[in-house]
Every structure is written in structure tokens, then in C-alpha cells.
């Protein structure tokens, strides 16, 4: 699991610009926009890859596919009246804004 994921717009754009610049230098792709270069190279944006990686790791943690104590990351909701499954994750309230960039917070925010 990667320990860091950029949280500010500036950091995200700076990292994405590296891939944008690199793909533009590939022979024959200079005239295409970044969004049209990505499928031609069978790539995804770096932001999309980070999102996908977060969700895959969440799945692996919840279903015990990795040897990690899930309680270190998530708590299950105690609400029993939800439809569907028993894997609803509980979001703790935070008094510090720094925690909003943590893996467990990012994933719960994505899954809503």
C-alpha cells in the first residue's frame, strides 16, 4: 500500500503534469490532447489510478485478503437496518483536518 496520496489540487496537478509532459513527447502523439493520448497508450490518469488502488486495497482489507488487522483502519457500522450487506463502514468524526487525507478516510468518503 502506498503511504501517500496527494490531497491538494496543486500537488495533484504537479504530479499529473509529469505524465502529461512525458506522453506528449512520444513520437506521433504530440498533436493529441492529454485525454486522447491516454487511451491510445492504454493508460489512465494518475488520479484515477490512485482512486482504483485505494478501492482495491479497501476490498482486500474488508474481505481479509491481506494479513492486516482491519480494526487498525476501519470500523463497521452498528446500524442493522441497512439494506444489502453487513460491510458498511463507519466514519468516525475528526477534530483534525490532517486526518481527512488518510487512506481510511479517503476510501470512506469515496464510497459515501
PDB file of N, CA and C in Angstrom:
ATOM      1  N   UNK A   1       0.856  -1.164   0.000  1.00  0.00           N
ATOM      2  CA  UNK A   1       0.000   0.000   0.000  1.00  0.00           C
ATOM      3  C   UNK A   1       0.907   1.234   0.000  1.00  0.00           C
ATOM      4  N   UNK A   2       0.629   2.161  -0.871  1.00  0.00           N
ATOM      5  CA  UNK A   2       1.463   3.347  -0.887  1.00  0.00           C
ATOM      6  C   UNK A   2       1.051   4.269   0.253  1.00  0.00           C
ATOM      7  N   UNK A   3       2.003   4.894   0.902  1.00  0.00           N
ATOM      8  CA  UNK A   3       1.710   5.663   2.105  1.00  0.00           C
ATOM      9  C   UNK A   3       1.173   7.066   1.845  1.00  0.00           C
ATOM     10  N   UNK A   4       1.309   7.552   0.636  1.00  0.00           N
ATOM     11  CA  UNK A   4       0.972   8.944   0.412  1.00  0.00           C
ATOM     12  C   UNK A   4       0.145   9.088  -0.847  1.00  0.00           C
ATOM     13  N   UNK A   5      -0.840   9.942  -0.764  1.00  0.00           N
ATOM     14  CA  UNK A   5      -1.629  10.296  -1.936  1.00  0.00           C
ATOM     15  C   UNK A   5      -1.833  11.796  -1.852  1.00  0.00           C
ATOM     16  N   UNK A   6      -1.512  12.513  -2.905  1.00  0.00           N
ATOM     17  CA  UNK A   6      -1.626  13.971  -2.821  1.00  0.00           C
ATOM     18  C   UNK A   6      -3.058  14.400  -2.553  1.00  0.00           C
ATOM     19  N   UNK A   7      -3.198  15.412  -1.732  1.00  0.00           N
ATOM     20  CA  UNK A   7      -4.545  15.856  -1.367  1.00  0.00           C
ATOM     21  C   UNK A   7      -4.857  17.266  -1.844  1.00  0.00           C
ATOM     22  N   UNK A   8      -3.838  18.034  -2.153  1.00  0.00           N
ATOM     23  CA  UNK A   8      -4.097  19.392  -2.617  1.00  0.00           C
ATOM     24  C   UNK A   8      -4.149  19.420  -4.144  1.00  0.00           C
ATOM     25  N   UNK A   9      -4.931  20.325  -4.674  1.00  0.00           N
ATOM     26  CA  UNK A   9      -5.056  20.472  -6.127  1.00  0.00           C
ATOM     27  C   UNK A   9      -3.687  20.732  -6.742  1.00  0.00           C
ATOM     28  N   UNK A  10      -2.887  21.541  -6.089  1.00  0.00           N
ATOM     29  CA  UNK A  10      -1.559  21.868  -6.598  1.00  0.00           C
ATOM     30  C   UNK A  10      -0.700  20.607  -6.740  1.00  0.00           C
ATOM     31  N   UNK A  11      -0.673  19.764  -5.708  1.00  0.00           N
ATOM     32  CA  UNK A  11       0.126  18.539  -5.762  1.00  0.00           C
ATOM     33  C   UNK A  11      -0.385  17.586  -6.840  1.00  0.00           C
ATOM     34  N   UNK A  12      -1.700  17.431  -6.938  1.00  0.00           N
ATOM     35  CA  UNK A  12      -2.294  16.541  -7.940  1.00  0.00           C
ATOM     36  C   UNK A  12      -1.931  17.014  -9.341  1.00  0.00           C
ATOM     37  N   UNK A  13      -2.065  18.307  -9.595  1.00  0.00           N
ATOM     38  CA  UNK A  13      -1.761  18.843 -10.920  1.00  0.00           C
ATOM     39  C   UNK A  13      -0.275  18.754 -11.234  1.00  0.00           C
ATOM     40  N   UNK A  14       0.577  18.941 -10.233  1.00  0.00           N
ATOM     41  CA  UNK A  14       2.022  18.847 -10.450  1.00  0.00           C
ATOM     42  C   UNK A  14       2.413  17.430 -10.846  1.00  0.00           C
ATOM     43  N   UNK A  15       1.883  16.445 -10.148  1.00  0.00           N
ATOM     44  CA  UNK A  15       2.213  15.052 -10.461  1.00  0.00           C
ATOM     45  C   UNK A  15       1.631  14.651 -11.812  1.00  0.00           C
ATOM     46  N   UNK A  16       0.397  15.054 -12.064  1.00  0.00           N
ATOM     47  CA  UNK A  16      -0.243  14.709 -13.344  1.00  0.00           C
ATOM     48  C   UNK A  16       0.501  15.367 -14.514  1.00  0.00           C
ATOM     49  N   UNK A  17       1.065  16.544 -14.286  1.00  0.00           N
ATOM     50  CA  UNK A  17       1.769  17.242 -15.370  1.00  0.00           C
ATOM     51  C   UNK A  17       2.999  16.463 -15.837  1.00  0.00           C
ATOM     52  N   UNK A  18       3.589  15.676 -14.958  1.00  0.00           N
ATOM     53  CA  UNK A  18       4.745  14.867 -15.345  1.00  0.00           C
ATOM     54  C   UNK A  18       4.320  13.824 -16.378  1.00  0.00           C
ATOM     55  N   UNK A  19       3.204  13.123 -16.107  1.00  0.00           N
ATOM     56  CA  UNK A  19       2.711  12.138 -17.072  1.00  0.00           C
ATOM     57  C   UNK A  19       2.248  12.829 -18.346  1.00  0.00           C
ATOM     58  N   UNK A  20       1.610  13.989 -18.213  1.00  0.00           N
ATOM     59  CA  UNK A  20       1.140  14.738 -19.375  1.00  0.00           C
ATOM     60  C   UNK A  20       2.319  15.108 -20.271  1.00  0.00           C
ATOM     61  N   UNK A  21       3.392  15.603 -19.663  1.00  0.00           N
ATOM     62  CA  UNK A  21       4.579  16.011 -20.420  1.00  0.00           C
ATOM     63  C   UNK A  21       5.258  14.816 -21.075  1.00  0.00           C
ATOM     64  N   UNK A  22       5.360  13.698 -20.346  1.00  0.00           N
ATOM     65  CA  UNK A  22       6.012  12.505 -20.886  1.00  0.00           C
ATOM     66  C   UNK A  22       5.239  11.945 -22.082  1.00  0.00           C
ATOM     67  N   UNK A  23       3.919  11.833 -21.946  1.00  0.00           N
ATOM     68  CA  UNK A  23       3.137  11.258 -23.045  1.00  0.00           C
ATOM     69  C   UNK A  23       3.146  12.158 -24.275  1.00  0.00           C
ATOM     70  N   UNK A  24       3.323  13.443 -24.069  1.00  0.00           N
ATOM     71  CA  UNK A  24       3.370  14.375 -25.202  1.00  0.00           C
ATOM     72  C   UNK A  24       4.644  14.187 -26.023  1.00  0.00           C
ATOM     73  N   UNK A  25       5.691  13.675 -25.412  1.00  0.00           N
ATOM     74  CA  UNK A  25       6.977  13.500 -26.094  1.00  0.00           C
ATOM     75  C   UNK A  25       7.076  12.201 -26.876  1.00  0.00           C
ATOM     76  N   UNK A  26       6.069  11.341 -26.768  1.00  0.00           N
ATOM     77  CA  UNK A  26       6.089  10.085 -27.513  1.00  0.00           C
ATOM     78  C   UNK A  26       5.819  10.387 -28.984  1.00  0.00           C
ATOM     79  N   UNK A  27       6.601   9.799 -29.845  1.00  0.00           N
ATOM     80  CA  UNK A  27       6.526  10.053 -31.282  1.00  0.00           C
ATOM     81  C   UNK A  27       5.101   9.831 -31.806  1.00  0.00           C
ATOM     82  N   UNK A  28       4.575  10.825 -32.504  1.00  0.00           N
ATOM     83  CA  UNK A  28       3.266  10.734 -33.135  1.00  0.00           C
ATOM     84  C   UNK A  28       2.098  11.155 -32.260  1.00  0.00           C
ATOM     85  N   UNK A  29       2.346  11.481 -31.000  1.00  0.00           N
ATOM     86  CA  UNK A  29       1.249  11.843 -30.100  1.00  0.00           C
ATOM     87  C   UNK A  29       1.273  13.311 -29.678  1.00  0.00           C
ATOM     88  N   UNK A  30       2.209  14.062 -30.187  1.00  0.00           N
ATOM     89  CA  UNK A  30       2.368  15.462 -29.782  1.00  0.00           C
ATOM     90  C   UNK A  30       1.115  16.300 -30.063  1.00  0.00           C
ATOM     91  N   UNK A  31       0.445  16.038 -31.158  1.00  0.00           N
ATOM     92  CA  UNK A  31      -0.684  16.882 -31.557  1.00  0.00           C
ATOM     93  C   UNK A  31      -1.996  16.504 -30.856  1.00  0.00           C
ATOM     94  N   UNK A  32      -2.039  15.380 -30.149  1.00  0.00           N
ATOM     95  CA  UNK A  32      -3.257  14.955 -29.471  1.00  0.00           C
ATOM     96  C   UNK A  32      -3.352  15.569 -28.074  1.00  0.00           C
ATOM     97  N   UNK A  33      -4.581  15.738 -27.610  1.00  0.00           N
ATOM     98  CA  UNK A  33      -4.780  16.234 -26.252  1.00  0.00           C
ATOM     99  C   UNK A  33      -4.404  15.134 -25.256  1.00  0.00           C
ATOM    100  N   UNK A  34      -4.175  15.516 -24.027  1.00  0.00           N
ATOM    101  CA  UNK A  34      -3.793  14.561 -22.989  1.00  0.00           C
ATOM    102  C   UNK A  34      -4.860  13.481 -22.815  1.00  0.00           C
ATOM    103  N   UNK A  35      -6.120  13.874 -22.785  1.00  0.00           N
ATOM    104  CA  UNK A  35      -7.215  12.903 -22.601  1.00  0.00           C
ATOM    105  C   UNK A  35      -7.310  11.921 -23.762  1.00  0.00           C
ATOM    106  N   UNK A  36      -6.942  12.331 -24.953  1.00  0.00           N
ATOM    107  CA  UNK A  36      -6.976  11.391 -26.085  1.00  0.00           C
ATOM    108  C   UNK A  36      -5.687  10.564 -26.181  1.00  0.00           C
ATOM    109  N   UNK A  37      -4.586  11.066 -25.606  1.00  0.00           N
ATOM    110  CA  UNK A  37      -3.346  10.282 -25.585  1.00  0.00           C
ATOM    111  C   UNK A  37      -3.444   9.090 -24.635  1.00  0.00           C
ATOM    112  N   UNK A  38      -4.140   9.275 -23.507  1.00  0.00           N
ATOM    113  CA  UNK A  38      -4.213   8.203 -22.504  1.00  0.00           C
ATOM    114  C   UNK A  38      -4.782   6.901 -23.062  1.00  0.00           C
ATOM    115  N   UNK A  39      -5.962   6.892 -23.723  1.00  0.00           N
ATOM    116  CA  UNK A  39      -6.454   5.614 -24.253  1.00  0.00           C
ATOM    117  C   UNK A  39      -5.572   5.043 -25.366  1.00  0.00           C
ATOM    118  N   UNK A  40      -4.937   5.916 -26.140  1.00  0.00           N
ATOM    119  CA  UNK A  40      -4.048   5.431 -27.202  1.00  0.00           C
ATOM    120  C   UNK A  40      -2.853   4.687 -26.619  1.00  0.00           C
ATOM    121  N   UNK A  41      -2.444   5.070 -25.409  1.00  0.00           N
ATOM    122  CA  UNK A  41      -1.320   4.427 -24.737  1.00  0.00           C
ATOM    123  C   UNK A  41      -1.780   3.383 -23.721  1.00  0.00           C
ATOM    124  N   UNK A  42      -3.079   3.155 -23.674  1.00  0.00           N
ATOM    125  CA  UNK A  42      -3.661   2.217 -22.718  1.00  0.00           C
ATOM    126  C   UNK A  42      -3.303   2.605 -21.278  1.00  0.00           C
ATOM    127  N   UNK A  43      -3.409   3.903 -20.988  1.00  0.00           N
ATOM    128  CA  UNK A  43      -3.109   4.442 -19.658  1.00  0.00           C
ATOM    129  C   UNK A  43      -4.356   5.078 -19.058  1.00  0.00           C
ATOM    130  N   UNK A  44      -4.302   5.259 -17.745  1.00  0.00           N
ATOM    131  CA  UNK A  44      -5.329   6.016 -17.032  1.00  0.00           C
ATOM    132  C   UNK A  44      -4.649   7.219 -16.411  1.00  0.00           C
ATOM    133  N   UNK A  45      -5.440   8.203 -16.038  1.00  0.00           N
ATOM    134  CA  UNK A  45      -4.841   9.343 -15.356  1.00  0.00           C
ATOM    135  C   UNK A  45      -4.303   8.862 -14.012  1.00  0.00           C
ATOM    136  N   UNK A  46      -3.322   9.562 -13.500  1.00  0.00           N
ATOM    137  CA  UNK A  46      -2.734   9.166 -12.225  1.00  0.00           C
ATOM    138  C   UNK A  46      -3.760   9.277 -11.100  1.00  0.00           C
ATOM    139  N   UNK A  47      -4.641  10.259 -11.174  1.00  0.00           N
ATOM    140  CA  UNK A  47      -5.689  10.414 -10.153  1.00  0.00           C
ATOM    141  C   UNK A  47      -6.630   9.205 -10.170  1.00  0.00           C
ATOM    142  N   UNK A  48      -6.976   8.730 -11.358  1.00  0.00           N
ATOM    143  CA  UNK A  48      -7.850   7.556 -11.478  1.00  0.00           C
ATOM    144  C   UNK A  48      -7.153   6.306 -10.939  1.00  0.00           C
ATOM    145  N   UNK A  49      -5.857   6.172 -11.207  1.00  0.00           N
ATOM    146  CA  UNK A  49      -5.113   5.015 -10.689  1.00  0.00           C
ATOM    147  C   UNK A  49      -5.027   5.030  -9.172  1.00  0.00           C
ATOM    148  N   UNK A  50      -4.859   6.218  -8.579  1.00  0.00           N
ATOM    149  CA  UNK A  50      -4.830   6.304  -7.111  1.00  0.00           C
ATOM    150  C   UNK A  50      -6.178   5.914  -6.527  1.00  0.00           C
ATOM    151  N   UNK A  51      -7.260   6.364  -7.145  1.00  0.00           N
ATOM    152  CA  UNK A  51      -8.607   6.010  -6.696  1.00  0.00           C
ATOM    153  C   UNK A  51      -8.822   4.502  -6.780  1.00  0.00           C
ATOM    154  N   UNK A  52      -8.465   3.913  -7.889  1.00  0.00           N
ATOM    155  CA  UNK A  52      -8.628   2.478  -8.076  1.00  0.00           C
ATOM    156  C   UNK A  52      -7.804   1.687  -7.064  1.00  0.00           C
ATOM    157  N   UNK A  53      -6.588   2.114  -6.829  1.00  0.00           N
ATOM    158  CA  UNK A  53      -5.728   1.443  -5.853  1.00  0.00           C
ATOM    159  C   UNK A  53      -6.319   1.526  -4.452  1.00  0.00           C
ATOM    160  N   UNK A  54      -6.841   2.689  -4.073  1.00  0.00           N
ATOM    161  CA  UNK A  54      -7.492   2.831  -2.761  1.00  0.00           C
ATOM    162  C   UNK A  54      -8.658   1.860  -2.622  1.00  0.00           C
ATOM    163  N   UNK A  55      -9.493   1.765  -3.643  1.00  0.00           N
ATOM    164  CA  UNK A  55     -10.657   0.893  -3.575  1.00  0.00           C
ATOM    165  C   UNK A  55     -10.269  -0.587  -3.546  1.00  0.00           C
ATOM    166  N   UNK A  56      -9.261  -0.958  -4.300  1.00  0.00           N
ATOM    167  CA  UNK A  56      -8.800  -2.353  -4.294  1.00  0.00           C
ATOM    168  C   UNK A  56      -8.241  -2.716  -2.916  1.00  0.00           C
ATOM    169  N   UNK A  57      -7.443  -1.826  -2.330  1.00  0.00           N
ATOM    170  CA  UNK A  57      -6.902  -2.096  -1.001  1.00  0.00           C
ATOM    171  C   UNK A  57      -8.008  -2.161   0.047  1.00  0.00           C
ATOM    172  N   UNK A  58      -9.007  -1.327  -0.075  1.00  0.00           N
ATOM    173  CA  UNK A  58     -10.140  -1.375   0.852  1.00  0.00           C
ATOM    174  C   UNK A  58     -10.829  -2.732   0.757  1.00  0.00           C
ATOM    175  N   UNK A  59     -11.074  -3.205  -0.449  1.00  0.00           N
ATOM    176  CA  UNK A  59     -11.698  -4.507  -0.666  1.00  0.00           C
ATOM    177  C   UNK A  59     -10.859  -5.615  -0.026  1.00  0.00           C
ATOM    178  N   UNK A  60      -9.551  -5.574  -0.259  1.00  0.00           N
ATOM    179  CA  UNK A  60      -8.674  -6.601   0.291  1.00  0.00           C
ATOM    180  C   UNK A  60      -8.678  -6.589   1.820  1.00  0.00           C
ATOM    181  N   UNK A  61      -8.718  -5.407   2.411  1.00  0.00           N
ATOM    182  CA  UNK A  61      -8.762  -5.299   3.867  1.00  0.00           C
ATOM    183  C   UNK A  61     -10.079  -5.828   4.431  1.00  0.00           C
ATOM    184  N   UNK A  62     -11.188  -5.408   3.846  1.00  0.00           N
ATOM    185  CA  UNK A  62     -12.509  -5.776   4.349  1.00  0.00           C
ATOM    186  C   UNK A  62     -12.737  -7.276   4.246  1.00  0.00           C
ATOM    187  N   UNK A  63     -12.298  -7.890   3.174  1.00  0.00           N
ATOM    188  CA  UNK A  63     -12.559  -9.311   2.962  1.00  0.00           C
ATOM    189  C   UNK A  63     -11.400 -10.213   3.393  1.00  0.00           C
ATOM    190  N   UNK A  64     -10.423  -9.649   4.112  1.00  0.00           N
ATOM    191  CA  UNK A  64      -9.353 -10.448   4.697  1.00  0.00           C
ATOM    192  C   UNK A  64      -8.383 -11.061   3.718  1.00  0.00           C
ATOM    193  N   UNK A  65      -8.150 -10.406   2.602  1.00  0.00           N
ATOM    194  CA  UNK A  65      -7.231 -10.934   1.594  1.00  0.00           C
ATOM    195  C   UNK A  65      -5.781 -10.540   1.855  1.00  0.00           C
ATOM    196  N   UNK A  66      -5.565  -9.688   2.839  1.00  0.00           N
ATOM    197  CA  UNK A  66      -4.223  -9.319   3.270  1.00  0.00           C
ATOM    198  C   UNK A  66      -4.149  -9.529   4.779  1.00  0.00           C
ATOM    199  N   UNK A  67      -2.966  -9.821   5.269  1.00  0.00           N
ATOM    200  CA  UNK A  67      -2.813 -10.098   6.697  1.00  0.00           C
ATOM    201  C   UNK A  67      -2.548  -8.784   7.429  1.00  0.00           C
ATOM    202  N   UNK A  68      -3.638  -8.089   7.714  1.00  0.00           N
ATOM    203  CA  UNK A  68      -3.602  -6.818   8.422  1.00  0.00           C
ATOM    204  C   UNK A  68      -4.850  -6.782   9.297  1.00  0.00           C
ATOM    205  N   UNK A  69      -4.717  -6.204  10.457  1.00  0.00           N
ATOM    206  CA  UNK A  69      -5.875  -6.066  11.326  1.00  0.00           C
ATOM    207  C   UNK A  69      -6.756  -4.945  10.791  1.00  0.00           C
ATOM    208  N   UNK A  70      -7.948  -5.283  10.336  1.00  0.00           N
ATOM    209  CA  UNK A  70      -8.844  -4.288   9.745  1.00  0.00           C
ATOM    210  C   UNK A  70      -9.240  -3.217  10.749  1.00  0.00           C
ATOM    211  N   UNK A  71      -9.237  -3.546  12.020  1.00  0.00           N
ATOM    212  CA  UNK A  71      -9.621  -2.571  13.051  1.00  0.00           C
ATOM    213  C   UNK A  71      -8.629  -1.418  13.141  1.00  0.00           C
ATOM    214  N   UNK A  72      -7.433  -1.605  12.594  1.00  0.00           N
ATOM    215  CA  UNK A  72      -6.466  -0.513  12.542  1.00  0.00           C
ATOM    216  C   UNK A  72      -6.876   0.538  11.515  1.00  0.00           C
ATOM    217  N   UNK A  73      -7.762   0.150  10.588  1.00  0.00           N
ATOM    218  CA  UNK A  73      -8.165   1.044   9.517  1.00  0.00           C
ATOM    219  C   UNK A  73      -9.639   1.455   9.587  1.00  0.00           C
ATOM    220  N   UNK A  74     -10.511   0.480   9.816  1.00  0.00           N
ATOM    221  CA  UNK A  74     -11.951   0.726   9.712  1.00  0.00           C
ATOM    222  C   UNK A  74     -12.705   0.147  10.897  1.00  0.00           C
ATOM    223  N   UNK A  75     -13.892   0.681  11.093  1.00  0.00           N
ATOM    224  CA  UNK A  75     -14.873   0.089  11.995  1.00  0.00           C
ATOM    225  C   UNK A  75     -16.122  -0.148  11.176  1.00  0.00           C
ATOM    226  N   UNK A  76     -16.811  -1.242  11.453  1.00  0.00           N
ATOM    227  CA  UNK A  76     -18.071  -1.496  10.778  1.00  0.00           C
ATOM    228  C   UNK A  76     -19.177  -0.720  11.467  1.00  0.00           C
ATOM    229  N   UNK A  77     -20.149  -0.284  10.698  1.00  0.00           N
ATOM    230  CA  UNK A  77     -21.292   0.436  11.239  1.00  0.00           C
ATOM    231  C   UNK A  77     -22.130  -0.514  12.083  1.00  0.00           C
ATOM    232  N   UNK A  78     -22.665   0.002  13.178  1.00  0.00           N
ATOM    233  CA  UNK A  78     -23.504  -0.817  14.052  1.00  0.00           C
ATOM    234  C   UNK A  78     -24.974  -0.742  13.662  1.00  0.00           C
ATOM    235  N   UNK A  79     -25.287   0.048  12.647  1.00  0.00           N
ATOM    236  CA  UNK A  79     -26.667   0.156  12.174  1.00  0.00           C
ATOM    237  C   UNK A  79     -27.036  -1.159  11.502  1.00  0.00           C
ATOM    238  N   UNK A  80     -28.111  -1.789  11.961  1.00  0.00           N
ATOM    239  CA  UNK A  80     -28.507  -3.092  11.429  1.00  0.00           C
ATOM    240  C   UNK A  80     -29.648  -2.992  10.433  1.00  0.00           C
ATOM    241  N   UNK A  81     -30.136  -1.801  10.185  1.00  0.00           N
ATOM    242  CA  UNK A  81     -31.290  -1.643   9.320  1.00  0.00           C
ATOM    243  C   UNK A  81     -30.917  -1.220   7.905  1.00  0.00           C
ATOM    244  N   UNK A  82     -29.688  -1.446   7.523  1.00  0.00           N
ATOM    245  CA  UNK A  82     -29.290  -1.110   6.157  1.00  0.00           C
ATOM    246  C   UNK A  82     -29.642  -2.261   5.235  1.00  0.00           C
ATOM    247  N   UNK A  83     -29.846  -1.944   3.993  1.00  0.00           N
ATOM    248  CA  UNK A  83     -30.142  -2.987   3.006  1.00  0.00           C
ATOM    249  C   UNK A  83     -28.849  -3.569   2.477  1.00  0.00           C
ATOM    250  N   UNK A  84     -28.918  -4.779   2.018  1.00  0.00           N
ATOM    251  CA  UNK A  84     -27.809  -5.362   1.279  1.00  0.00           C
ATOM    252  C   UNK A  84     -26.841  -6.169   2.104  1.00  0.00           C
ATOM    253  N   UNK A  85     -25.800  -5.553   2.634  1.00  0.00           N
ATOM    254  CA  UNK A  85     -24.694  -6.296   3.222  1.00  0.00           C
ATOM    255  C   UNK A  85     -24.345  -5.789   4.615  1.00  0.00           C
ATOM    256  N   UNK A  86     -23.471  -6.507   5.265  1.00  0.00           N
ATOM    257  CA  UNK A  86     -23.046  -6.138   6.620  1.00  0.00           C
ATOM    258  C   UNK A  86     -21.683  -5.455   6.628  1.00  0.00           C
ATOM    259  N   UNK A  87     -21.198  -5.072   5.477  1.00  0.00           N
ATOM    260  CA  UNK A  87     -19.862  -4.491   5.375  1.00  0.00           C
ATOM    261  C   UNK A  87     -19.867  -2.964   5.329  1.00  0.00           C
ATOM    262  N   UNK A  88     -20.908  -2.340   5.798  1.00  0.00           N
ATOM    263  CA  UNK A  88     -20.968  -0.880   5.794  1.00  0.00           C
ATOM    264  C   UNK A  88     -19.934  -0.343   6.785  1.00  0.00           C
ATOM    265  N   UNK A  89     -19.071   0.542   6.292  1.00  0.00           N
ATOM    266  CA  UNK A  89     -18.006   1.081   7.125  1.00  0.00           C
ATOM    267  C   UNK A  89     -18.478   2.335   7.847  1.00  0.00           C
ATOM    268  N   UNK A  90     -18.039   2.468   9.071  1.00  0.00           N
ATOM    269  CA  UNK A  90     -18.415   3.597   9.914  1.00  0.00           C
ATOM    270  C   UNK A  90     -17.368   4.689   9.801  1.00  0.00           C
ATOM    271  N   UNK A  91     -17.815   5.913   9.635  1.00  0.00           N
ATOM    272  CA  UNK A  91     -16.895   7.052   9.557  1.00  0.00           C
ATOM    273  C   UNK A  91     -16.872   7.760  10.900  1.00  0.00           C
ATOM    274  N   UNK A  92     -15.703   7.771  11.508  1.00  0.00           N
ATOM    275  CA  UNK A  92     -15.536   8.464  12.786  1.00  0.00           C
ATOM    276  C   UNK A  92     -15.473   9.961  12.533  1.00  0.00           C
ATOM    277  N   UNK A  93     -15.935  10.728  13.478  1.00  0.00           N
ATOM    278  CA  UNK A  93     -15.799  12.185  13.344  1.00  0.00           C
ATOM    279  C   UNK A  93     -14.382  12.573  13.761  1.00  0.00           C
ATOM    280  N   UNK A  94     -13.857  13.577  13.091  1.00  0.00           N
ATOM    281  CA  UNK A  94     -12.478  14.010  13.334  1.00  0.00           C
ATOM    282  C   UNK A  94     -12.444  15.468  13.729  1.00  0.00           C
ATOM    283  N   UNK A  95     -11.565  15.768  14.642  1.00  0.00           N
ATOM    284  CA  UNK A  95     -11.381  17.161  15.023  1.00  0.00           C
ATOM    285  C   UNK A  95     -10.176  17.775  14.311  1.00  0.00           C
ATOM    286  N   UNK A  96      -9.414  16.945  13.621  1.00  0.00           N
ATOM    287  CA  UNK A  96      -8.221  17.441  12.928  1.00  0.00           C
ATOM    288  C   UNK A  96      -8.380  17.271  11.430  1.00  0.00           C
ATOM    289  N   UNK A  97      -8.054  18.295  10.715  1.00  0.00           N
ATOM    290  CA  UNK A  97      -8.210  18.246   9.257  1.00  0.00           C
ATOM    291  C   UNK A  97      -7.156  17.364   8.593  1.00  0.00           C
ATOM    292  N   UNK A  98      -6.029  17.143   9.243  1.00  0.00           N
ATOM    293  CA  UNK A  98      -4.964  16.333   8.643  1.00  0.00           C
ATOM    294  C   UNK A  98      -5.442  14.903   8.423  1.00  0.00           C
ATOM    295  N   UNK A  99      -6.327  14.422   9.261  1.00  0.00           N
ATOM    296  CA  UNK A  99      -6.801  13.040   9.163  1.00  0.00           C
ATOM    297  C   UNK A  99      -7.632  12.811   7.896  1.00  0.00           C
ATOM    298  N   UNK A 100      -8.192  13.838   7.309  1.00  0.00           N
ATOM    299  CA  UNK A 100      -9.036  13.673   6.122  1.00  0.00           C
ATOM    300  C   UNK A 100      -8.259  13.142   4.922  1.00  0.00           C
ATOM    301  N   UNK A 101      -6.937  13.224   4.953  1.00  0.00           N
ATOM    302  CA  UNK A 101      -6.128  12.723   3.838  1.00  0.00           C
ATOM    303  C   UNK A 101      -5.660  11.295   4.055  1.00  0.00           C
ATOM    304  N   UNK A 102      -5.957  10.695   5.207  1.00  0.00           N
ATOM    305  CA  UNK A 102      -5.551   9.318   5.490  1.00  0.00           C
ATOM    306  C   UNK A 102      -6.309   8.356   4.584  1.00  0.00           C
ATOM    307  N   UNK A 103      -5.700   7.200   4.326  1.00  0.00           N
ATOM    308  CA  UNK A 103      -6.291   6.186   3.466  1.00  0.00           C
ATOM    309  C   UNK A 103      -7.713   5.829   3.894  1.00  0.00           C
ATOM    310  N   UNK A 104      -7.899   5.515   5.167  1.00  0.00           N
ATOM    311  CA  UNK A 104      -9.218   5.058   5.619  1.00  0.00           C
ATOM    312  C   UNK A 104     -10.276   6.155   5.470  1.00  0.00           C
ATOM    313  N   UNK A 105      -9.918   7.387   5.599  1.00  0.00           N
ATOM    314  CA  UNK A 105     -10.862   8.491   5.413  1.00  0.00           C
ATOM    315  C   UNK A 105     -11.172   8.714   3.932  1.00  0.00           C
ATOM    316  N   UNK A 106     -10.145   8.653   3.097  1.00  0.00           N
ATOM    317  CA  UNK A 106     -10.354   8.850   1.654  1.00  0.00           C
ATOM    318  C   UNK A 106     -11.301   7.808   1.106  1.00  0.00           C
ATOM    319  N   UNK A 107     -11.123   6.550   1.489  1.00  0.00           N
ATOM    320  CA  UNK A 107     -11.937   5.473   0.950  1.00  0.00           C
ATOM    321  C   UNK A 107     -13.384   5.607   1.393  1.00  0.00           C
ATOM    322  N   UNK A 108     -13.610   5.910   2.646  1.00  0.00           N
ATOM    323  CA  UNK A 108     -14.982   6.059   3.126  1.00  0.00           C
ATOM    324  C   UNK A 108     -15.652   7.233   2.446  1.00  0.00           C
ATOM    325  N   UNK A 109     -14.926   8.313   2.214  1.00  0.00           N
ATOM    326  CA  UNK A 109     -15.511   9.460   1.514  1.00  0.00           C
ATOM    327  C   UNK A 109     -15.888   9.104   0.080  1.00  0.00           C
ATOM    328  N   UNK A 110     -15.106   8.261  -0.567  1.00  0.00           N
ATOM    329  CA  UNK A 110     -15.389   7.842  -1.942  1.00  0.00           C
ATOM    330  C   UNK A 110     -16.642   6.995  -2.001  1.00  0.00           C
ATOM    331  N   UNK A 111     -16.736   6.073  -1.077  1.00  0.00           N
ATOM    332  CA  UNK A 111     -17.840   5.121  -1.078  1.00  0.00           C
ATOM    333  C   UNK A 111     -19.126   5.734  -0.551  1.00  0.00           C
ATOM    334  N   UNK A 112     -19.007   6.891   0.078  1.00  0.00           N
ATOM    335  CA  UNK A 112     -20.160   7.650   0.533  1.00  0.00           C
ATOM    336  C   UNK A 112     -20.977   6.939   1.491  1.00  0.00           C
TER     337      UNK A 112
END
